[in-house]
Amino acid sequence: MESDDPVIQQHRVEPVERLHEQLRKSLHVLITSEDWRQALAVAARFHDYSFANTRLIWSAATARGFAPDRVAGYRTWQCRGVGEPTVDKTDPFWRLSRWGSGSSG
């Protein structure tokens, strides 16, 4: 049951207002930082990719000191012979890597 007491009401409102102000300040810092602008630029270039994948692309490129402009897909890497999948059938979890492939092993 809600109280009509103004002191109780004020005690409820103050924490919410403090949290709101903290959130507003942190969002301002986030959206005005150079990192945020760069992350948005990557997201714009890779608009077909998920949020998580654009963050991975951006962080990997940033760690290597360049701005990403394109990403090679799985088939490109496969044609180059890079990253061929390997399966160790002695591992009891080997089927997890083949999940959804339609074969029972």
PDB file of N, CA and C in Angstrom:
ATOM      1  N   MET A   1       0.831  -1.176   0.000  1.00  0.00           N
ATOM      2  CA  MET A   1       0.000   0.000   0.000  1.00  0.00           C
ATOM      3  C   MET A   1       0.883   1.249   0.000  1.00  0.00           C
ATOM      4  N   GLU A   2       0.621   2.183  -0.882  1.00  0.00           N
ATOM      5  CA  GLU A   2       1.383   3.420  -0.998  1.00  0.00           C
ATOM      6  C   GLU A   2       1.107   4.340   0.180  1.00  0.00           C
ATOM      7  N   SER A   3       2.148   5.005   0.650  1.00  0.00           N
ATOM      8  CA  SER A   3       1.991   5.950   1.756  1.00  0.00           C
ATOM      9  C   SER A   3       1.823   7.359   1.192  1.00  0.00           C
ATOM     10  N   ASP A   4       0.977   8.142   1.859  1.00  0.00           N
ATOM     11  CA  ASP A   4       0.770   9.533   1.471  1.00  0.00           C
ATOM     12  C   ASP A   4       1.713  10.471   2.216  1.00  0.00           C
ATOM     13  N   ASP A   5       2.541   9.915   3.084  1.00  0.00           N
ATOM     14  CA  ASP A   5       3.463  10.723   3.879  1.00  0.00           C
ATOM     15  C   ASP A   5       4.541  11.312   2.958  1.00  0.00           C
ATOM     16  N   PRO A   6       4.666  12.645   2.908  1.00  0.00           N
ATOM     17  CA  PRO A   6       5.648  13.266   2.012  1.00  0.00           C
ATOM     18  C   PRO A   6       7.098  12.895   2.334  1.00  0.00           C
ATOM     19  N   VAL A   7       7.412  12.624   3.587  1.00  0.00           N
ATOM     20  CA  VAL A   7       8.775  12.231   3.960  1.00  0.00           C
ATOM     21  C   VAL A   7       9.115  10.874   3.353  1.00  0.00           C
ATOM     22  N   ILE A   8       8.188   9.934   3.426  1.00  0.00           N
ATOM     23  CA  ILE A   8       8.397   8.604   2.840  1.00  0.00           C
ATOM     24  C   ILE A   8       8.496   8.717   1.322  1.00  0.00           C
ATOM     25  N   GLN A   9       7.634   9.516   0.734  1.00  0.00           N
ATOM     26  CA  GLN A   9       7.675   9.719  -0.716  1.00  0.00           C
ATOM     27  C   GLN A   9       9.030  10.283  -1.138  1.00  0.00           C
ATOM     28  N   GLN A  10       9.551  11.259  -0.386  1.00  0.00           N
ATOM     29  CA  GLN A  10      10.837  11.870  -0.714  1.00  0.00           C
ATOM     30  C   GLN A  10      11.966  10.852  -0.609  1.00  0.00           C
ATOM     31  N   HIS A  11      11.913   9.969   0.391  1.00  0.00           N
ATOM     32  CA  HIS A  11      12.939   8.933   0.548  1.00  0.00           C
ATOM     33  C   HIS A  11      12.909   7.947  -0.613  1.00  0.00           C
ATOM     34  N   ARG A  12      11.775   7.789  -1.235  1.00  0.00           N
ATOM     35  CA  ARG A  12      11.675   6.904  -2.399  1.00  0.00           C
ATOM     36  C   ARG A  12      12.168   7.594  -3.669  1.00  0.00           C
ATOM     37  N   VAL A  13      11.921   8.868  -3.776  1.00  0.00           N
ATOM     38  CA  VAL A  13      12.255   9.612  -4.988  1.00  0.00           C
ATOM     39  C   VAL A  13      13.742   9.928  -5.067  1.00  0.00           C
ATOM     40  N   GLU A  14      14.369  10.271  -3.971  1.00  0.00           N
ATOM     41  CA  GLU A  14      15.770  10.679  -3.979  1.00  0.00           C
ATOM     42  C   GLU A  14      16.706   9.623  -4.574  1.00  0.00           C
ATOM     43  N   PRO A  15      16.628   8.360  -4.163  1.00  0.00           N
ATOM     44  CA  PRO A  15      17.533   7.361  -4.764  1.00  0.00           C
ATOM     45  C   PRO A  15      17.312   7.206  -6.269  1.00  0.00           C
ATOM     46  N   VAL A  16      16.074   7.279  -6.690  1.00  0.00           N
ATOM     47  CA  VAL A  16      15.779   7.145  -8.115  1.00  0.00           C
ATOM     48  C   VAL A  16      16.367   8.322  -8.881  1.00  0.00           C
ATOM     49  N   GLU A  17      16.233   9.514  -8.335  1.00  0.00           N
ATOM     50  CA  GLU A  17      16.795  10.696  -8.989  1.00  0.00           C
ATOM     51  C   GLU A  17      18.317  10.633  -9.046  1.00  0.00           C
ATOM     52  N   ARG A  18      18.955  10.153  -7.977  1.00  0.00           N
ATOM     53  CA  ARG A  18      20.422   9.996  -7.970  1.00  0.00           C
ATOM     54  C   ARG A  18      20.858   8.997  -9.031  1.00  0.00           C
ATOM     55  N   LEU A  19      20.167   7.860  -9.112  1.00  0.00           N
ATOM     56  CA  LEU A  19      20.506   6.863 -10.124  1.00  0.00           C
ATOM     57  C   LEU A  19      20.285   7.396 -11.535  1.00  0.00           C
ATOM     58  N   HIS A  20      19.220   8.142 -11.721  1.00  0.00           N
ATOM     59  CA  HIS A  20      18.945   8.720 -13.029  1.00  0.00           C
ATOM     60  C   HIS A  20      20.055   9.684 -13.443  1.00  0.00           C
ATOM     61  N   GLU A  21      20.497  10.510 -12.525  1.00  0.00           N
ATOM     62  CA  GLU A  21      21.567  11.456 -12.821  1.00  0.00           C
ATOM     63  C   GLU A  21      22.883  10.723 -13.108  1.00  0.00           C
ATOM     64  N   GLN A  22      23.157   9.669 -12.351  1.00  0.00           N
ATOM     65  CA  GLN A  22      24.367   8.874 -12.582  1.00  0.00           C
ATOM     66  C   GLN A  22      24.317   8.237 -13.963  1.00  0.00           C
ATOM     67  N   LEU A  23      23.186   7.700 -14.336  1.00  0.00           N
ATOM     68  CA  LEU A  23      23.020   7.101 -15.653  1.00  0.00           C
ATOM     69  C   LEU A  23      23.172   8.146 -16.756  1.00  0.00           C
ATOM     70  N   ARG A  24      22.570   9.313 -16.578  1.00  0.00           N
ATOM     71  CA  ARG A  24      22.654  10.371 -17.572  1.00  0.00           C
ATOM     72  C   ARG A  24      24.101  10.790 -17.798  1.00  0.00           C
ATOM     73  N   LYS A  25      24.861  10.947 -16.714  1.00  0.00           N
ATOM     74  CA  LYS A  25      26.269  11.344 -16.828  1.00  0.00           C
ATOM     75  C   LYS A  25      27.102  10.263 -17.521  1.00  0.00           C
ATOM     76  N   SER A  26      26.889   9.013 -17.137  1.00  0.00           N
ATOM     77  CA  SER A  26      27.674   7.935 -17.742  1.00  0.00           C
ATOM     78  C   SER A  26      27.357   7.772 -19.225  1.00  0.00           C
ATOM     79  N   LEU A  27      26.095   7.957 -19.596  1.00  0.00           N
ATOM     80  CA  LEU A  27      25.734   7.891 -21.010  1.00  0.00           C
ATOM     81  C   LEU A  27      26.350   9.044 -21.795  1.00  0.00           C
ATOM     82  N   HIS A  28      26.405  10.214 -21.181  1.00  0.00           N
ATOM     83  CA  HIS A  28      27.026  11.362 -21.852  1.00  0.00           C
ATOM     84  C   HIS A  28      28.502  11.086 -22.129  1.00  0.00           C
ATOM     85  N   VAL A  29      29.198  10.545 -21.133  1.00  0.00           N
ATOM     86  CA  VAL A  29      30.613  10.201 -21.317  1.00  0.00           C
ATOM     87  C   VAL A  29      30.758   9.153 -22.421  1.00  0.00           C
ATOM     88  N   LEU A  30      29.885   8.159 -22.402  1.00  0.00           N
ATOM     89  CA  LEU A  30      29.963   7.087 -23.395  1.00  0.00           C
ATOM     90  C   LEU A  30      29.763   7.618 -24.812  1.00  0.00           C
ATOM     91  N   ILE A  31      28.726   8.381 -25.036  1.00  0.00           N
ATOM     92  CA  ILE A  31      28.413   8.778 -26.414  1.00  0.00           C
ATOM     93  C   ILE A  31      29.271   9.924 -26.924  1.00  0.00           C
ATOM     94  N   THR A  32      30.037  10.564 -26.060  1.00  0.00           N
ATOM     95  CA  THR A  32      30.924  11.623 -26.528  1.00  0.00           C
ATOM     96  C   THR A  32      32.375  11.170 -26.602  1.00  0.00           C
ATOM     97  N   SER A  33      32.648   9.934 -26.250  1.00  0.00           N
ATOM     98  CA  SER A  33      34.034   9.456 -26.296  1.00  0.00           C
ATOM     99  C   SER A  33      34.413   9.051 -27.719  1.00  0.00           C
ATOM    100  N   GLU A  34      35.684   9.091 -27.999  1.00  0.00           N
ATOM    101  CA  GLU A  34      36.184   8.711 -29.327  1.00  0.00           C
ATOM    102  C   GLU A  34      35.983   7.219 -29.581  1.00  0.00           C
ATOM    103  N   ASP A  35      36.117   6.384 -28.529  1.00  0.00           N
ATOM    104  CA  ASP A  35      35.891   4.942 -28.693  1.00  0.00           C
ATOM    105  C   ASP A  35      34.479   4.661 -29.190  1.00  0.00           C
ATOM    106  N   TRP A  36      33.506   5.368 -28.616  1.00  0.00           N
ATOM    107  CA  TRP A  36      32.121   5.165 -29.016  1.00  0.00           C
ATOM    108  C   TRP A  36      31.927   5.536 -30.480  1.00  0.00           C
ATOM    109  N   ARG A  37      32.515   6.635 -30.898  1.00  0.00           N
ATOM    110  CA  ARG A  37      32.403   7.059 -32.301  1.00  0.00           C
ATOM    111  C   ARG A  37      33.024   6.023 -33.238  1.00  0.00           C
ATOM    112  N   GLN A  38      34.172   5.509 -32.852  1.00  0.00           N
ATOM    113  CA  GLN A  38      34.816   4.485 -33.682  1.00  0.00           C
ATOM    114  C   GLN A  38      33.974   3.214 -33.733  1.00  0.00           C
ATOM    115  N   ALA A  39      33.414   2.819 -32.599  1.00  0.00           N
ATOM    116  CA  ALA A  39      32.575   1.614 -32.562  1.00  0.00           C
ATOM    117  C   ALA A  39      31.336   1.801 -33.433  1.00  0.00           C
ATOM    118  N   LEU A  40      30.738   2.982 -33.421  1.00  0.00           N
ATOM    119  CA  LEU A  40      29.585   3.251 -34.280  1.00  0.00           C
ATOM    120  C   LEU A  40      29.972   3.239 -35.751  1.00  0.00           C
ATOM    121  N   ALA A  41      31.153   3.728 -36.076  1.00  0.00           N
ATOM    122  CA  ALA A  41      31.622   3.710 -37.466  1.00  0.00           C
ATOM    123  C   ALA A  41      31.794   2.273 -37.953  1.00  0.00           C
ATOM    124  N   VAL A  42      32.320   1.407 -37.111  1.00  0.00           N
ATOM    125  CA  VAL A  42      32.461  -0.011 -37.470  1.00  0.00           C
ATOM    126  C   VAL A  42      31.087  -0.645 -37.643  1.00  0.00           C
ATOM    127  N   ALA A  43      30.178  -0.356 -36.730  1.00  0.00           N
ATOM    128  CA  ALA A  43      28.816  -0.909 -36.835  1.00  0.00           C
ATOM    129  C   ALA A  43      28.148  -0.448 -38.126  1.00  0.00           C
ATOM    130  N   ALA A  44      28.404   0.780 -38.542  1.00  0.00           N
ATOM    131  CA  ALA A  44      27.817   1.284 -39.789  1.00  0.00           C
ATOM    132  C   ALA A  44      28.394   0.566 -41.001  1.00  0.00           C
ATOM    133  N   ARG A  45      29.694   0.272 -40.968  1.00  0.00           N
ATOM    134  CA  ARG A  45      30.325  -0.435 -42.087  1.00  0.00           C
ATOM    135  C   ARG A  45      29.908  -1.903 -42.149  1.00  0.00           C
ATOM    136  N   PHE A  46      29.648  -2.498 -41.006  1.00  0.00           N
ATOM    137  CA  PHE A  46      29.292  -3.920 -40.934  1.00  0.00           C
ATOM    138  C   PHE A  46      27.855  -4.072 -40.451  1.00  0.00           C
ATOM    139  N   HIS A  47      26.933  -3.399 -41.102  1.00  0.00           N
ATOM    140  CA  HIS A  47      25.545  -3.363 -40.654  1.00  0.00           C
ATOM    141  C   HIS A  47      24.838  -4.709 -40.731  1.00  0.00           C
ATOM    142  N   ASP A  48      25.350  -5.659 -41.512  1.00  0.00           N
ATOM    143  CA  ASP A  48      24.743  -6.985 -41.589  1.00  0.00           C
ATOM    144  C   ASP A  48      25.198  -7.907 -40.450  1.00  0.00           C
ATOM    145  N   TYR A  49      26.153  -7.459 -39.672  1.00  0.00           N
ATOM    146  CA  TYR A  49      26.698  -8.273 -38.592  1.00  0.00           C
ATOM    147  C   TYR A  49      25.959  -7.973 -37.286  1.00  0.00           C
ATOM    148  N   SER A  50      25.992  -8.935 -36.376  1.00  0.00           N
ATOM    149  CA  SER A  50      25.348  -8.748 -35.078  1.00  0.00           C
ATOM    150  C   SER A  50      26.129  -7.732 -34.243  1.00  0.00           C
ATOM    151  N   PHE A  51      25.489  -7.255 -33.202  1.00  0.00           N
ATOM    152  CA  PHE A  51      26.139  -6.326 -32.282  1.00  0.00           C
ATOM    153  C   PHE A  51      27.420  -6.936 -31.715  1.00  0.00           C
ATOM    154  N   ALA A  52      27.326  -8.189 -31.296  1.00  0.00           N
ATOM    155  CA  ALA A  52      28.494  -8.868 -30.711  1.00  0.00           C
ATOM    156  C   ALA A  52      29.621  -9.001 -31.729  1.00  0.00           C
ATOM    157  N   ASN A  53      29.295  -9.351 -32.962  1.00  0.00           N
ATOM    158  CA  ASN A  53      30.335  -9.512 -33.980  1.00  0.00           C
ATOM    159  C   ASN A  53      30.994  -8.186 -34.346  1.00  0.00           C
ATOM    160  N   THR A  54      30.212  -7.111 -34.410  1.00  0.00           N
ATOM    161  CA  THR A  54      30.837  -5.822 -34.704  1.00  0.00           C
ATOM    162  C   THR A  54      31.766  -5.404 -33.578  1.00  0.00           C
ATOM    163  N   ARG A  55      31.398  -5.724 -32.320  1.00  0.00           N
ATOM    164  CA  ARG A  55      32.299  -5.412 -31.206  1.00  0.00           C
ATOM    165  C   ARG A  55      33.580  -6.241 -31.313  1.00  0.00           C
ATOM    166  N   LEU A  56      33.462  -7.507 -31.706  1.00  0.00           N
ATOM    167  CA  LEU A  56      34.656  -8.349 -31.857  1.00  0.00           C
ATOM    168  C   LEU A  56      35.556  -7.843 -32.978  1.00  0.00           C
ATOM    169  N   ILE A  57      34.958  -7.491 -34.105  1.00  0.00           N
ATOM    170  CA  ILE A  57      35.732  -6.955 -35.234  1.00  0.00           C
ATOM    171  C   ILE A  57      36.442  -5.676 -34.809  1.00  0.00           C
ATOM    172  N   TRP A  58      35.703  -4.787 -34.158  1.00  0.00           N
ATOM    173  CA  TRP A  58      36.267  -3.510 -33.736  1.00  0.00           C
ATOM    174  C   TRP A  58      37.401  -3.706 -32.724  1.00  0.00           C
ATOM    175  N   SER A  59      37.175  -4.564 -31.731  1.00  0.00           N
ATOM    176  CA  SER A  59      38.206  -4.739 -30.705  1.00  0.00           C
ATOM    177  C   SER A  59      39.453  -5.419 -31.267  1.00  0.00           C
ATOM    178  N   ALA A  60      39.273  -6.384 -32.171  1.00  0.00           N
ATOM    179  CA  ALA A  60      40.427  -7.057 -32.775  1.00  0.00           C
ATOM    180  C   ALA A  60      41.227  -6.080 -33.638  1.00  0.00           C
ATOM    181  N   ALA A  61      40.532  -5.252 -34.403  1.00  0.00           N
ATOM    182  CA  ALA A  61      41.221  -4.274 -35.251  1.00  0.00           C
ATOM    183  C   ALA A  61      41.925  -3.218 -34.413  1.00  0.00           C
ATOM    184  N   THR A  62      41.266  -2.753 -33.368  1.00  0.00           N
ATOM    185  CA  THR A  62      41.857  -1.742 -32.490  1.00  0.00           C
ATOM    186  C   THR A  62      43.116  -2.278 -31.825  1.00  0.00           C
ATOM    187  N   ALA A  63      43.073  -3.520 -31.392  1.00  0.00           N
ATOM    188  CA  ALA A  63      44.239  -4.132 -30.746  1.00  0.00           C
ATOM    189  C   ALA A  63      45.419  -4.237 -31.701  1.00  0.00           C
ATOM    190  N   ARG A  64      45.133  -4.308 -33.009  1.00  0.00           N
ATOM    191  CA  ARG A  64      46.192  -4.421 -34.014  1.00  0.00           C
ATOM    192  C   ARG A  64      46.536  -3.078 -34.662  1.00  0.00           C
ATOM    193  N   GLY A  65      45.833  -2.024 -34.249  1.00  0.00           N
ATOM    194  CA  GLY A  65      46.173  -0.685 -34.690  1.00  0.00           C
ATOM    195  C   GLY A  65      45.642  -0.261 -36.043  1.00  0.00           C
ATOM    196  N   PHE A  66      44.520  -0.766 -36.481  1.00  0.00           N
ATOM    197  CA  PHE A  66      43.935  -0.325 -37.750  1.00  0.00           C
ATOM    198  C   PHE A  66      42.425  -0.262 -37.650  1.00  0.00           C
ATOM    199  N   ALA A  67      41.824   0.415 -38.610  1.00  0.00           N
ATOM    200  CA  ALA A  67      40.362   0.507 -38.676  1.00  0.00           C
ATOM    201  C   ALA A  67      39.871  -0.529 -39.687  1.00  0.00           C
ATOM    202  N   PRO A  68      38.989  -1.411 -39.298  1.00  0.00           N
ATOM    203  CA  PRO A  68      38.536  -2.456 -40.223  1.00  0.00           C
ATOM    204  C   PRO A  68      37.643  -1.888 -41.317  1.00  0.00           C
ATOM    205  N   ASP A  69      37.835  -2.400 -42.536  1.00  0.00           N
ATOM    206  CA  ASP A  69      36.964  -1.968 -43.631  1.00  0.00           C
ATOM    207  C   ASP A  69      36.311  -3.147 -44.338  1.00  0.00           C
ATOM    208  N   ARG A  70      36.809  -4.350 -44.091  1.00  0.00           N
ATOM    209  CA  ARG A  70      36.186  -5.551 -44.650  1.00  0.00           C
ATOM    210  C   ARG A  70      36.642  -6.763 -43.837  1.00  0.00           C
ATOM    211  N   VAL A  71      35.861  -7.825 -43.953  1.00  0.00           N
ATOM    212  CA  VAL A  71      36.153  -9.061 -43.224  1.00  0.00           C
ATOM    213  C   VAL A  71      35.992 -10.216 -44.186  1.00  0.00           C
ATOM    214  N   ALA A  72      36.972 -11.116 -44.197  1.00  0.00           N
ATOM    215  CA  ALA A  72      36.872 -12.307 -45.043  1.00  0.00           C
ATOM    216  C   ALA A  72      35.914 -13.291 -44.382  1.00  0.00           C
ATOM    217  N   GLY A  73      35.034 -13.860 -45.170  1.00  0.00           N
ATOM    218  CA  GLY A  73      34.084 -14.836 -44.662  1.00  0.00           C
ATOM    219  C   GLY A  73      34.689 -16.220 -44.537  1.00  0.00           C
ATOM    220  N   TYR A  74      33.903 -17.129 -44.027  1.00  0.00           N
ATOM    221  CA  TYR A  74      34.357 -18.496 -43.797  1.00  0.00           C
ATOM    222  C   TYR A  74      34.845 -19.153 -45.083  1.00  0.00           C
ATOM    223  N   ARG A  75      34.101 -18.997 -46.180  1.00  0.00           N
ATOM    224  CA  ARG A  75      34.489 -19.639 -47.449  1.00  0.00           C
ATOM    225  C   ARG A  75      35.831 -19.113 -47.955  1.00  0.00           C
ATOM    226  N   THR A  76      36.089 -17.834 -47.773  1.00  0.00           N
ATOM    227  CA  THR A  76      37.377 -17.270 -48.197  1.00  0.00           C
ATOM    228  C   THR A  76      38.515 -17.919 -47.432  1.00  0.00           C
ATOM    229  N   TRP A  77      38.353 -18.037 -46.117  1.00  0.00           N
ATOM    230  CA  TRP A  77      39.386 -18.670 -45.311  1.00  0.00           C
ATOM    231  C   TRP A  77      39.524 -20.151 -45.675  1.00  0.00           C
ATOM    232  N   GLN A  78      38.409 -20.784 -45.982  1.00  0.00           N
ATOM    233  CA  GLN A  78      38.429 -22.196 -46.359  1.00  0.00           C
ATOM    234  C   GLN A  78      39.214 -22.378 -47.664  1.00  0.00           C
ATOM    235  N   CYS A  79      38.993 -21.517 -48.636  1.00  0.00           N
ATOM    236  CA  CYS A  79      39.717 -21.593 -49.914  1.00  0.00           C
ATOM    237  C   CYS A  79      41.211 -21.378 -49.737  1.00  0.00           C
ATOM    238  N   ARG A  80      41.577 -20.599 -48.754  1.00  0.00           N
ATOM    239  CA  ARG A  80      42.991 -20.330 -48.490  1.00  0.00           C
ATOM    240  C   ARG A  80      43.631 -21.419 -47.630  1.00  0.00           C
ATOM    241  N   GLY A  81      42.817 -22.364 -47.162  1.00  0.00           N
ATOM    242  CA  GLY A  81      43.353 -23.453 -46.349  1.00  0.00           C
ATOM    243  C   GLY A  81      43.662 -23.047 -44.924  1.00  0.00           C
ATOM    244  N   VAL A  82      43.074 -21.954 -44.478  1.00  0.00           N
ATOM    245  CA  VAL A  82      43.326 -21.462 -43.125  1.00  0.00           C
ATOM    246  C   VAL A  82      42.159 -21.853 -42.239  1.00  0.00           C
ATOM    247  N   GLY A  83      42.461 -22.349 -41.068  1.00  0.00           N
ATOM    248  CA  GLY A  83      41.420 -22.622 -40.090  1.00  0.00           C
ATOM    249  C   GLY A  83      40.562 -23.825 -40.406  1.00  0.00           C
ATOM    250  N   GLU A  84      41.123 -24.829 -41.036  1.00  0.00           N
ATOM    251  CA  GLU A  84      40.352 -26.036 -41.306  1.00  0.00           C
ATOM    252  C   GLU A  84      39.945 -26.679 -39.983  1.00  0.00           C
ATOM    253  N   PRO A  85      38.696 -27.073 -39.874  1.00  0.00           N
ATOM    254  CA  PRO A  85      38.256 -27.671 -38.608  1.00  0.00           C
ATOM    255  C   PRO A  85      38.903 -29.032 -38.376  1.00  0.00           C
ATOM    256  N   THR A  86      39.228 -29.298 -37.132  1.00  0.00           N
ATOM    257  CA  THR A  86      39.749 -30.607 -36.755  1.00  0.00           C
ATOM    258  C   THR A  86      38.861 -31.164 -35.660  1.00  0.00           C
ATOM    259  N   VAL A  87      38.671 -32.470 -35.689  1.00  0.00           N
ATOM    260  CA  VAL A  87      37.825 -33.130 -34.697  1.00  0.00           C
ATOM    261  C   VAL A  87      38.614 -34.264 -34.077  1.00  0.00           C
ATOM    262  N   ASP A  88      38.690 -34.247 -32.756  1.00  0.00           N
ATOM    263  CA  ASP A  88      39.339 -35.325 -32.024  1.00  0.00           C
ATOM    264  C   ASP A  88      38.240 -36.239 -31.506  1.00  0.00           C
ATOM    265  N   LYS A  89      38.017 -37.365 -32.187  1.00  0.00           N
ATOM    266  CA  LYS A  89      36.914 -38.249 -31.818  1.00  0.00           C
ATOM    267  C   LYS A  89      37.151 -38.992 -30.516  1.00  0.00           C
ATOM    268  N   THR A  90      38.351 -38.883 -29.938  1.00  0.00           N
ATOM    269  CA  THR A  90      38.580 -39.483 -28.628  1.00  0.00           C
ATOM    270  C   THR A  90      38.037 -38.579 -27.522  1.00  0.00           C
ATOM    271  N   ASP A  91      37.786 -37.330 -27.852  1.00  0.00           N
ATOM    272  CA  ASP A  91      37.210 -36.392 -26.895  1.00  0.00           C
ATOM    273  C   ASP A  91      35.715 -36.690 -26.772  1.00  0.00           C
ATOM    274  N   PRO A  92      35.193 -36.889 -25.566  1.00  0.00           N
ATOM    275  CA  PRO A  92      33.773 -37.233 -25.419  1.00  0.00           C
ATOM    276  C   PRO A  92      32.833 -36.140 -25.910  1.00  0.00           C
ATOM    277  N   PHE A  93      33.318 -34.920 -26.099  1.00  0.00           N
ATOM    278  CA  PHE A  93      32.470 -33.822 -26.553  1.00  0.00           C
ATOM    279  C   PHE A  93      32.645 -33.507 -28.028  1.00  0.00           C
ATOM    280  N   TRP A  94      33.257 -34.373 -28.790  1.00  0.00           N
ATOM    281  CA  TRP A  94      33.546 -34.068 -30.192  1.00  0.00           C
ATOM    282  C   TRP A  94      32.290 -33.799 -30.996  1.00  0.00           C
ATOM    283  N   ARG A  95      31.175 -34.393 -30.634  1.00  0.00           N
ATOM    284  CA  ARG A  95      29.939 -34.182 -31.395  1.00  0.00           C
ATOM    285  C   ARG A  95      29.416 -32.755 -31.268  1.00  0.00           C
ATOM    286  N   LEU A  96      29.791 -32.057 -30.201  1.00  0.00           N
ATOM    287  CA  LEU A  96      29.345 -30.674 -30.047  1.00  0.00           C
ATOM    288  C   LEU A  96      29.825 -29.812 -31.206  1.00  0.00           C
ATOM    289  N   SER A  97      31.006 -30.089 -31.723  1.00  0.00           N
ATOM    290  CA  SER A  97      31.511 -29.291 -32.835  1.00  0.00           C
ATOM    291  C   SER A  97      30.788 -29.623 -34.132  1.00  0.00           C
ATOM    292  N   ARG A  98      30.097 -30.760 -34.184  1.00  0.00           N
ATOM    293  CA  ARG A  98      29.376 -31.160 -35.389  1.00  0.00           C
ATOM    294  C   ARG A  98      27.876 -30.986 -35.225  1.00  0.00           C
ATOM    295  N   TRP A  99      27.454 -30.366 -34.134  1.00  0.00           N
ATOM    296  CA  TRP A  99      26.043 -30.196 -33.829  1.00  0.00           C
ATOM    297  C   TRP A  99      25.343 -29.493 -34.978  1.00  0.00           C
ATOM    298  N   GLY A 100      24.278 -30.051 -35.446  1.00  0.00           N
ATOM    299  CA  GLY A 100      23.498 -29.451 -36.520  1.00  0.00           C
ATOM    300  C   GLY A 100      23.972 -29.845 -37.907  1.00  0.00           C
ATOM    301  N   SER A 101      25.002 -30.687 -37.999  1.00  0.00           N
ATOM    302  CA  SER A 101      25.513 -31.056 -39.321  1.00  0.00           C
ATOM    303  C   SER A 101      24.686 -32.172 -39.965  1.00  0.00           C
ATOM    304  N   GLY A 102      23.850 -32.822 -39.183  1.00  0.00           N
ATOM    305  CA  GLY A 102      22.991 -33.854 -39.724  1.00  0.00           C
ATOM    306  C   GLY A 102      23.606 -35.235 -39.733  1.00  0.00           C
ATOM    307  N   SER A 103      24.884 -35.353 -39.389  1.00  0.00           N
ATOM    308  CA  SER A 103      25.503 -36.683 -39.374  1.00  0.00           C
ATOM    309  C   SER A 103      25.640 -37.160 -37.938  1.00  0.00           C
ATOM    310  N   SER A 104      25.592 -38.448 -37.769  1.00  0.00           N
ATOM    311  CA  SER A 104      25.643 -39.001 -36.409  1.00  0.00           C
ATOM    312  C   SER A 104      27.019 -39.491 -36.034  1.00  0.00           C
ATOM    313  N   GLY A 105      27.987 -39.402 -36.958  1.00  0.00           N
ATOM    314  CA  GLY A 105      29.355 -39.722 -36.632  1.00  0.00           C
ATOM    315  C   GLY A 105      29.643 -41.163 -36.760  1.00  0.00           C
TER     316      GLY A 105
END
